[in-house]
Amino acid sequence: MNMAYANLKDFSGDAGRAFESMRRQYQNSTWSEILNEMRAAFADPAVEAAELLEIKTSASASEVRKAHRNLAMLHHPDKVGDSAEAQQKMSRLNWARTSCSSGSATSRSGERAQWIAAKM
């Protein structure tokens, strides 16, 4: 019984320190700002890629290629003018195609880890 109490006391101390740290970090933030930040941190890049390509997350490889091709024809720098915005849009489209094309769980989890690291 004493060991369980000691473990609980240690845990509550750790939780208290973690809570205090988070309270200081988000001291001047509203709940909606905190929740939006957490949503962004834990968002699935596969869902973002599918939204960017305007397809379902369960789309086949041929649907991904077709959506990418159609959007690339609209937003290609040669078509709309060689600007930084157009190059960035094409870069995002290429990223989305790669993300949606890699269907294995291992590659998706690696992609997710890279995406989260880039966001933080």
N, C-alpha and C. Protein backbone atom coordinates (compact mmCIF):
# COMPACT_ATOMS: atom_id res chain seq x y z
N MET A 1 0.82 -1.19 0.00
CA MET A 1 0.00 0.00 0.00
C MET A 1 0.87 1.26 0.00
N ASN A 2 1.92 1.25 0.80
CA ASN A 2 2.80 2.41 0.87
C ASN A 2 3.48 2.68 -0.46
N MET A 3 3.89 1.60 -1.17
CA MET A 3 4.56 1.76 -2.45
C MET A 3 3.60 2.38 -3.47
N ALA A 4 2.35 1.92 -3.50
CA ALA A 4 1.36 2.48 -4.42
C ALA A 4 1.13 3.95 -4.13
N TYR A 5 1.07 4.31 -2.85
CA TYR A 5 0.88 5.71 -2.47
C TYR A 5 2.08 6.56 -2.90
N ALA A 6 3.28 6.02 -2.72
CA ALA A 6 4.49 6.74 -3.11
C ALA A 6 4.52 6.95 -4.63
N ASN A 7 4.14 5.90 -5.38
CA ASN A 7 4.11 6.02 -6.84
C ASN A 7 3.08 7.06 -7.27
N LEU A 8 1.93 7.05 -6.65
CA LEU A 8 0.88 8.01 -6.97
C LEU A 8 1.33 9.43 -6.64
N LYS A 9 2.02 9.58 -5.51
CA LYS A 9 2.51 10.89 -5.11
C LYS A 9 3.55 11.41 -6.12
N ASP A 10 4.46 10.51 -6.57
CA ASP A 10 5.45 10.90 -7.57
C ASP A 10 4.78 11.30 -8.87
N PHE A 11 3.78 10.51 -9.28
CA PHE A 11 3.08 10.81 -10.53
C PHE A 11 2.35 12.14 -10.43
N SER A 12 1.69 12.37 -9.31
CA SER A 12 0.95 13.63 -9.17
C SER A 12 1.90 14.81 -9.17
N GLY A 13 3.11 14.63 -8.63
CA GLY A 13 4.10 15.70 -8.67
C GLY A 13 4.53 15.98 -10.10
N ASP A 14 4.77 14.92 -10.89
CA ASP A 14 5.14 15.08 -12.30
C ASP A 14 4.01 15.73 -13.08
N ALA A 15 2.79 15.29 -12.83
CA ALA A 15 1.64 15.86 -13.53
C ALA A 15 1.47 17.32 -13.14
N GLY A 16 1.69 17.62 -11.88
CA GLY A 16 1.57 19.01 -11.43
C GLY A 16 2.60 19.90 -12.11
N ARG A 17 3.85 19.40 -12.23
CA ARG A 17 4.89 20.18 -12.92
C ARG A 17 4.55 20.36 -14.39
N ALA A 18 4.04 19.31 -15.03
CA ALA A 18 3.67 19.40 -16.44
C ALA A 18 2.52 20.39 -16.62
N PHE A 19 1.54 20.33 -15.73
CA PHE A 19 0.41 21.26 -15.81
C PHE A 19 0.89 22.70 -15.63
N GLU A 20 1.77 22.91 -14.67
CA GLU A 20 2.29 24.25 -14.40
C GLU A 20 3.07 24.78 -15.61
N SER A 21 3.84 23.91 -16.24
CA SER A 21 4.61 24.30 -17.43
C SER A 21 3.67 24.70 -18.57
N MET A 22 2.63 23.90 -18.78
CA MET A 22 1.67 24.23 -19.84
C MET A 22 0.91 25.51 -19.52
N ARG A 23 0.58 25.72 -18.26
CA ARG A 23 -0.14 26.92 -17.87
C ARG A 23 0.70 28.16 -18.18
N ARG A 24 2.01 28.09 -17.88
CA ARG A 24 2.89 29.22 -18.20
C ARG A 24 3.02 29.43 -19.70
N GLN A 25 3.12 28.33 -20.45
CA GLN A 25 3.28 28.42 -21.90
C GLN A 25 2.07 29.07 -22.56
N TYR A 26 0.88 28.71 -22.10
CA TYR A 26 -0.36 29.20 -22.72
C TYR A 26 -1.04 30.26 -21.86
N GLN A 27 -0.28 30.98 -21.09
CA GLN A 27 -0.82 31.95 -20.13
C GLN A 27 -1.72 32.99 -20.79
N ASN A 28 -1.34 33.51 -21.92
CA ASN A 28 -2.11 34.58 -22.56
C ASN A 28 -2.94 34.08 -23.75
N SER A 29 -3.22 32.80 -23.79
CA SER A 29 -3.98 32.23 -24.91
C SER A 29 -5.40 31.88 -24.49
N THR A 30 -6.30 31.97 -25.45
CA THR A 30 -7.67 31.54 -25.19
C THR A 30 -7.76 30.04 -25.46
N TRP A 31 -8.85 29.42 -25.01
CA TRP A 31 -9.04 28.00 -25.25
C TRP A 31 -9.09 27.68 -26.73
N SER A 32 -9.73 28.54 -27.52
CA SER A 32 -9.83 28.26 -28.95
C SER A 32 -8.45 28.31 -29.61
N GLU A 33 -7.58 29.22 -29.18
CA GLU A 33 -6.22 29.27 -29.72
C GLU A 33 -5.44 28.01 -29.37
N ILE A 34 -5.59 27.55 -28.15
CA ILE A 34 -4.90 26.34 -27.72
C ILE A 34 -5.40 25.14 -28.51
N LEU A 35 -6.71 25.02 -28.67
CA LEU A 35 -7.27 23.89 -29.42
C LEU A 35 -6.86 23.93 -30.89
N ASN A 36 -6.84 25.11 -31.49
CA ASN A 36 -6.41 25.23 -32.89
C ASN A 36 -4.95 24.81 -33.05
N GLU A 37 -4.12 25.19 -32.09
CA GLU A 37 -2.71 24.79 -32.15
C GLU A 37 -2.56 23.28 -32.02
N MET A 38 -3.35 22.68 -31.14
CA MET A 38 -3.28 21.22 -30.98
C MET A 38 -3.81 20.49 -32.21
N ARG A 39 -4.89 21.02 -32.80
CA ARG A 39 -5.40 20.42 -34.04
C ARG A 39 -4.35 20.46 -35.13
N ALA A 40 -3.67 21.57 -35.24
CA ALA A 40 -2.63 21.71 -36.27
C ALA A 40 -1.46 20.77 -36.00
N ALA A 41 -1.11 20.59 -34.73
CA ALA A 41 0.02 19.74 -34.39
C ALA A 41 -0.27 18.27 -34.66
N PHE A 42 -1.53 17.86 -34.50
CA PHE A 42 -1.87 16.45 -34.65
C PHE A 42 -2.68 16.16 -35.91
N ALA A 43 -2.74 17.11 -36.83
CA ALA A 43 -3.47 16.90 -38.07
C ALA A 43 -2.77 15.84 -38.91
N ASP A 44 -3.55 15.10 -39.67
CA ASP A 44 -3.00 14.04 -40.52
C ASP A 44 -2.60 14.63 -41.87
N PRO A 45 -1.33 14.51 -42.26
CA PRO A 45 -0.91 15.08 -43.53
C PRO A 45 -1.59 14.43 -44.73
N ALA A 46 -2.01 13.17 -44.59
CA ALA A 46 -2.70 12.51 -45.70
C ALA A 46 -4.03 13.19 -45.98
N VAL A 47 -4.71 13.63 -44.94
CA VAL A 47 -5.98 14.34 -45.11
C VAL A 47 -5.74 15.69 -45.75
N GLU A 48 -4.70 16.39 -45.31
CA GLU A 48 -4.37 17.69 -45.89
C GLU A 48 -4.01 17.54 -47.37
N ALA A 49 -3.25 16.49 -47.71
CA ALA A 49 -2.87 16.25 -49.09
C ALA A 49 -4.09 15.95 -49.95
N ALA A 50 -5.01 15.15 -49.43
CA ALA A 50 -6.22 14.83 -50.18
C ALA A 50 -7.08 16.08 -50.39
N GLU A 51 -7.16 16.94 -49.39
CA GLU A 51 -7.92 18.19 -49.54
C GLU A 51 -7.27 19.09 -50.58
N LEU A 52 -5.95 19.13 -50.60
CA LEU A 52 -5.23 19.95 -51.55
C LEU A 52 -5.48 19.47 -52.98
N LEU A 53 -5.53 18.15 -53.16
CA LEU A 53 -5.79 17.58 -54.49
C LEU A 53 -7.28 17.49 -54.80
N GLU A 54 -8.11 17.83 -53.82
CA GLU A 54 -9.57 17.80 -53.98
C GLU A 54 -10.08 16.39 -54.30
N ILE A 55 -9.56 15.41 -53.54
CA ILE A 55 -9.98 14.02 -53.71
C ILE A 55 -10.30 13.44 -52.33
N LYS A 56 -10.87 12.22 -52.32
CA LYS A 56 -11.13 11.52 -51.06
C LYS A 56 -9.82 10.90 -50.58
N THR A 57 -9.74 10.67 -49.27
CA THR A 57 -8.52 10.05 -48.74
C THR A 57 -8.38 8.60 -49.20
N SER A 58 -9.47 7.99 -49.64
CA SER A 58 -9.42 6.60 -50.10
C SER A 58 -9.26 6.51 -51.62
N ALA A 59 -8.84 7.58 -52.26
CA ALA A 59 -8.72 7.61 -53.72
C ALA A 59 -7.64 6.63 -54.20
N SER A 60 -7.88 6.08 -55.37
CA SER A 60 -6.90 5.16 -55.95
C SER A 60 -5.73 5.95 -56.54
N ALA A 61 -4.68 5.23 -56.91
CA ALA A 61 -3.49 5.88 -57.47
C ALA A 61 -3.82 6.60 -58.77
N SER A 62 -4.69 6.02 -59.58
CA SER A 62 -5.04 6.68 -60.85
C SER A 62 -5.84 7.97 -60.60
N GLU A 63 -6.70 7.96 -59.57
CA GLU A 63 -7.44 9.18 -59.22
C GLU A 63 -6.50 10.27 -58.71
N VAL A 64 -5.49 9.87 -57.97
CA VAL A 64 -4.50 10.83 -57.46
C VAL A 64 -3.74 11.45 -58.63
N ARG A 65 -3.28 10.60 -59.57
CA ARG A 65 -2.56 11.10 -60.75
C ARG A 65 -3.42 12.05 -61.56
N LYS A 66 -4.68 11.68 -61.76
CA LYS A 66 -5.59 12.50 -62.57
C LYS A 66 -5.83 13.86 -61.91
N ALA A 67 -6.08 13.85 -60.60
CA ALA A 67 -6.32 15.11 -59.88
C ALA A 67 -5.07 15.98 -59.91
N HIS A 68 -3.90 15.36 -59.73
CA HIS A 68 -2.65 16.11 -59.76
C HIS A 68 -2.43 16.72 -61.15
N ARG A 69 -2.67 15.94 -62.18
CA ARG A 69 -2.48 16.43 -63.55
C ARG A 69 -3.39 17.62 -63.84
N ASN A 70 -4.66 17.50 -63.45
CA ASN A 70 -5.61 18.59 -63.70
C ASN A 70 -5.23 19.87 -62.97
N LEU A 71 -4.85 19.74 -61.70
CA LEU A 71 -4.46 20.92 -60.94
C LEU A 71 -3.12 21.49 -61.41
N ALA A 72 -2.22 20.60 -61.83
CA ALA A 72 -0.93 21.07 -62.33
C ALA A 72 -1.11 21.89 -63.61
N MET A 73 -2.06 21.48 -64.45
CA MET A 73 -2.31 22.25 -65.68
C MET A 73 -2.84 23.65 -65.35
N LEU A 74 -3.58 23.77 -64.26
CA LEU A 74 -4.12 25.07 -63.88
C LEU A 74 -3.09 25.97 -63.19
N HIS A 75 -2.19 25.37 -62.40
CA HIS A 75 -1.32 26.17 -61.53
C HIS A 75 0.16 26.11 -61.91
N HIS A 76 0.50 25.51 -63.03
CA HIS A 76 1.92 25.39 -63.40
C HIS A 76 2.51 26.77 -63.68
N PRO A 77 3.75 27.02 -63.20
CA PRO A 77 4.38 28.34 -63.41
C PRO A 77 4.49 28.74 -64.88
N ASP A 78 4.65 27.79 -65.79
CA ASP A 78 4.71 28.12 -67.22
C ASP A 78 3.36 28.62 -67.72
N LYS A 79 2.31 28.19 -67.08
CA LYS A 79 0.95 28.55 -67.51
C LYS A 79 0.49 29.89 -66.93
N VAL A 80 0.78 30.11 -65.64
CA VAL A 80 0.26 31.30 -64.95
C VAL A 80 1.32 32.38 -64.74
N GLY A 81 2.52 32.12 -65.15
CA GLY A 81 3.59 33.10 -64.93
C GLY A 81 4.53 32.59 -63.87
N ASP A 82 5.80 32.77 -64.12
CA ASP A 82 6.82 32.22 -63.23
C ASP A 82 6.95 33.11 -61.98
N SER A 83 6.10 32.86 -60.99
CA SER A 83 6.16 33.62 -59.74
C SER A 83 6.45 32.67 -58.59
N ALA A 84 6.86 33.24 -57.48
CA ALA A 84 7.16 32.43 -56.29
C ALA A 84 5.90 31.72 -55.79
N GLU A 85 4.77 32.40 -55.92
CA GLU A 85 3.49 31.80 -55.48
C GLU A 85 3.15 30.57 -56.31
N ALA A 86 3.35 30.66 -57.63
CA ALA A 86 3.05 29.53 -58.51
C ALA A 86 3.99 28.37 -58.23
N GLN A 87 5.26 28.66 -57.99
CA GLN A 87 6.21 27.60 -57.68
C GLN A 87 5.89 26.93 -56.35
N GLN A 88 5.45 27.73 -55.39
CA GLN A 88 5.07 27.17 -54.09
C GLN A 88 3.83 26.29 -54.24
N LYS A 89 2.87 26.72 -55.03
CA LYS A 89 1.65 25.94 -55.26
C LYS A 89 2.00 24.60 -55.92
N MET A 90 2.90 24.63 -56.92
CA MET A 90 3.30 23.39 -57.57
C MET A 90 4.06 22.49 -56.62
N SER A 91 4.86 23.08 -55.77
CA SER A 91 5.60 22.30 -54.77
C SER A 91 4.62 21.59 -53.83
N ARG A 92 3.59 22.30 -53.39
CA ARG A 92 2.57 21.70 -52.51
C ARG A 92 1.79 20.60 -53.24
N LEU A 93 1.48 20.83 -54.52
CA LEU A 93 0.77 19.81 -55.29
C LEU A 93 1.63 18.55 -55.45
N ASN A 94 2.91 18.73 -55.70
CA ASN A 94 3.81 17.58 -55.84
C ASN A 94 3.93 16.83 -54.51
N TRP A 95 4.01 17.58 -53.41
CA TRP A 95 4.04 16.95 -52.09
C TRP A 95 2.77 16.14 -51.85
N ALA A 96 1.63 16.73 -52.22
CA ALA A 96 0.34 16.06 -52.00
C ALA A 96 0.26 14.78 -52.83
N ARG A 97 0.75 14.83 -54.06
CA ARG A 97 0.71 13.63 -54.90
C ARG A 97 1.58 12.54 -54.29
N THR A 98 2.77 12.91 -53.84
CA THR A 98 3.66 11.93 -53.22
C THR A 98 3.04 11.35 -51.95
N SER A 99 2.43 12.21 -51.15
CA SER A 99 1.81 11.75 -49.90
C SER A 99 0.65 10.81 -50.15
N CYS A 100 -0.17 11.12 -51.14
CA CYS A 100 -1.33 10.28 -51.42
C CYS A 100 -0.94 9.01 -52.16
N SER A 101 0.14 9.06 -52.91
CA SER A 101 0.57 7.88 -53.67
C SER A 101 1.19 6.83 -52.78
N SER A 102 1.88 7.27 -51.71
CA SER A 102 2.52 6.31 -50.82
C SER A 102 1.47 5.77 -49.86
N GLY A 103 0.97 4.59 -50.14
CA GLY A 103 -0.15 4.05 -49.38
C GLY A 103 0.23 3.22 -48.18
N SER A 104 1.50 2.80 -48.07
CA SER A 104 1.84 1.92 -46.96
C SER A 104 1.83 2.67 -45.64
N ALA A 105 1.52 1.95 -44.58
CA ALA A 105 1.42 2.57 -43.25
C ALA A 105 2.77 3.10 -42.79
N THR A 106 3.84 2.40 -43.15
CA THR A 106 5.17 2.83 -42.72
C THR A 106 5.54 4.16 -43.35
N SER A 107 5.29 4.30 -44.65
CA SER A 107 5.65 5.55 -45.30
C SER A 107 4.76 6.68 -44.82
N ARG A 108 3.49 6.40 -44.55
CA ARG A 108 2.59 7.44 -44.05
C ARG A 108 3.01 7.89 -42.67
N SER A 109 3.42 6.96 -41.80
CA SER A 109 3.83 7.38 -40.46
C SER A 109 5.12 8.17 -40.51
N GLY A 110 6.04 7.80 -41.42
CA GLY A 110 7.27 8.57 -41.59
C GLY A 110 6.97 9.95 -42.13
N GLU A 111 6.05 10.03 -43.08
CA GLU A 111 5.64 11.32 -43.65
C GLU A 111 4.99 12.17 -42.57
N ARG A 112 4.16 11.55 -41.73
CA ARG A 112 3.49 12.28 -40.65
C ARG A 112 4.51 12.84 -39.67
N ALA A 113 5.52 12.04 -39.32
CA ALA A 113 6.55 12.50 -38.39
C ALA A 113 7.32 13.69 -38.97
N GLN A 114 7.66 13.61 -40.25
CA GLN A 114 8.37 14.72 -40.89
C GLN A 114 7.49 15.96 -40.92
N TRP A 115 6.22 15.78 -41.20
CA TRP A 115 5.29 16.92 -41.31
C TRP A 115 5.13 17.59 -39.95
N ILE A 116 4.97 16.78 -38.89
CA ILE A 116 4.82 17.35 -37.55
C ILE A 116 6.09 18.06 -37.13
N ALA A 117 7.25 17.48 -37.43
CA ALA A 117 8.51 18.13 -37.09
C ALA A 117 8.65 19.48 -37.81
N ALA A 118 8.20 19.54 -39.05
CA ALA A 118 8.28 20.79 -39.80
C ALA A 118 7.34 21.86 -39.23
N LYS A 119 6.20 21.44 -38.68
CA LYS A 119 5.23 22.38 -38.13
C LYS A 119 5.69 22.97 -36.81
N MET A 120 6.50 22.23 -36.07
CA MET A 120 6.89 22.68 -34.72
C MET A 120 8.15 23.44 -34.74
